[in-house]
Amino acid sequence: MAQALIDESPKPRRGRPALNGSGDKRGKGKRLRRTGKELVQFRAMLKAERKKGVPVAELALKHNISSAYIYLLP
């Protein structure tokens, strides 16, 4: 009976989860460098979402950026 329970249990995942990407200008494995006005808008949007209480992990996955980048914003 114990062996049946062990066999039915889900296998643990290892490593990082696959990122879906936001689908905008990003191809498979390509990075997007934001510059100028776009960068200013992006940072302002991140700050606004953080003030609303959106979790950092959720923002990082949604926008395909690191959580450390969000924490470094002034």
Protein backbone atom coordinates (compact mmCIF):
# COMPACT_ATOMS: atom_id res chain seq x y z
CA MET A 1 0.00 0.00 0.00
CA ALA A 2 2.84 2.39 0.85
CA GLN A 3 4.60 1.60 -2.42
CA ALA A 4 1.40 2.43 -4.36
CA LEU A 5 1.25 5.85 -2.67
CA ILE A 6 4.90 6.52 -3.49
CA ASP A 7 4.37 5.56 -7.15
CA GLU A 8 1.34 7.89 -7.44
CA SER A 9 3.05 10.92 -5.91
CA PRO A 10 4.19 13.63 -8.36
CA LYS A 11 7.87 13.70 -9.20
CA PRO A 12 9.80 16.72 -7.87
CA ARG A 13 10.84 19.33 -10.41
CA ARG A 14 14.45 20.39 -10.56
CA GLY A 15 16.04 23.48 -12.01
CA ARG A 16 14.42 26.71 -13.06
CA PRO A 17 10.92 26.77 -14.52
CA ALA A 18 10.66 27.52 -18.23
CA LEU A 19 9.88 31.16 -18.93
CA ASN A 20 7.02 31.83 -21.30
CA GLY A 21 8.13 35.34 -22.25
CA SER A 22 5.66 38.12 -22.87
CA GLY A 23 5.51 37.33 -26.58
CA ASP A 24 6.11 40.91 -27.68
CA LYS A 25 9.34 41.52 -29.62
CA ARG A 26 11.10 38.55 -28.09
CA GLY A 27 11.93 35.57 -30.20
CA LYS A 28 13.11 32.29 -28.83
CA GLY A 29 16.13 33.03 -26.64
CA LYS A 30 16.55 36.61 -27.87
CA ARG A 31 16.90 39.57 -25.53
CA LEU A 32 15.25 42.93 -25.95
CA ARG A 33 17.18 45.99 -24.87
CA ARG A 34 14.97 48.89 -23.91
CA THR A 35 16.36 52.37 -24.49
CA GLY A 36 15.25 55.97 -24.20
CA LYS A 37 11.56 56.71 -23.77
CA GLU A 38 10.62 53.05 -23.78
CA LEU A 39 12.95 52.34 -20.84
CA VAL A 40 11.57 55.28 -18.84
CA GLN A 41 7.99 54.11 -19.46
CA PHE A 42 8.86 50.51 -18.56
CA ARG A 43 10.48 51.50 -15.25
CA ALA A 44 7.57 53.80 -14.37
CA MET A 45 5.12 51.00 -15.13
CA LEU A 46 7.07 48.58 -12.91
CA LYS A 47 7.12 51.08 -10.04
CA ALA A 48 3.37 51.69 -10.40
CA GLU A 49 2.59 47.97 -10.37
CA ARG A 50 4.77 47.46 -7.28
CA LYS A 51 2.89 50.27 -5.50
CA LYS A 52 -0.36 48.46 -6.33
CA GLY A 53 1.02 45.41 -4.51
CA VAL A 54 1.83 43.10 -7.43
CA PRO A 55 4.41 40.50 -6.31
CA VAL A 56 7.93 40.87 -7.71
CA ALA A 57 8.06 37.24 -8.84
CA GLU A 58 4.89 37.70 -10.89
CA LEU A 59 6.25 40.85 -12.56
CA ALA A 60 9.57 39.17 -13.31
CA LEU A 61 7.88 36.26 -15.06
CA LYS A 62 5.41 38.47 -16.90
CA HIS A 63 8.05 40.82 -18.32
CA ASN A 64 10.88 38.27 -18.61
CA ILE A 65 13.25 40.18 -16.32
CA SER A 66 15.01 39.24 -13.10
CA SER A 67 13.53 39.99 -9.72
CA ALA A 68 16.83 41.65 -8.76
CA TYR A 69 16.28 44.23 -11.53
CA ILE A 70 12.94 45.18 -9.98
CA TYR A 71 14.43 45.48 -6.49
CA LEU A 72 17.21 47.74 -7.84
CA LEU A 73 14.76 50.33 -9.17
CA PRO A 74 14.93 53.55 -7.13
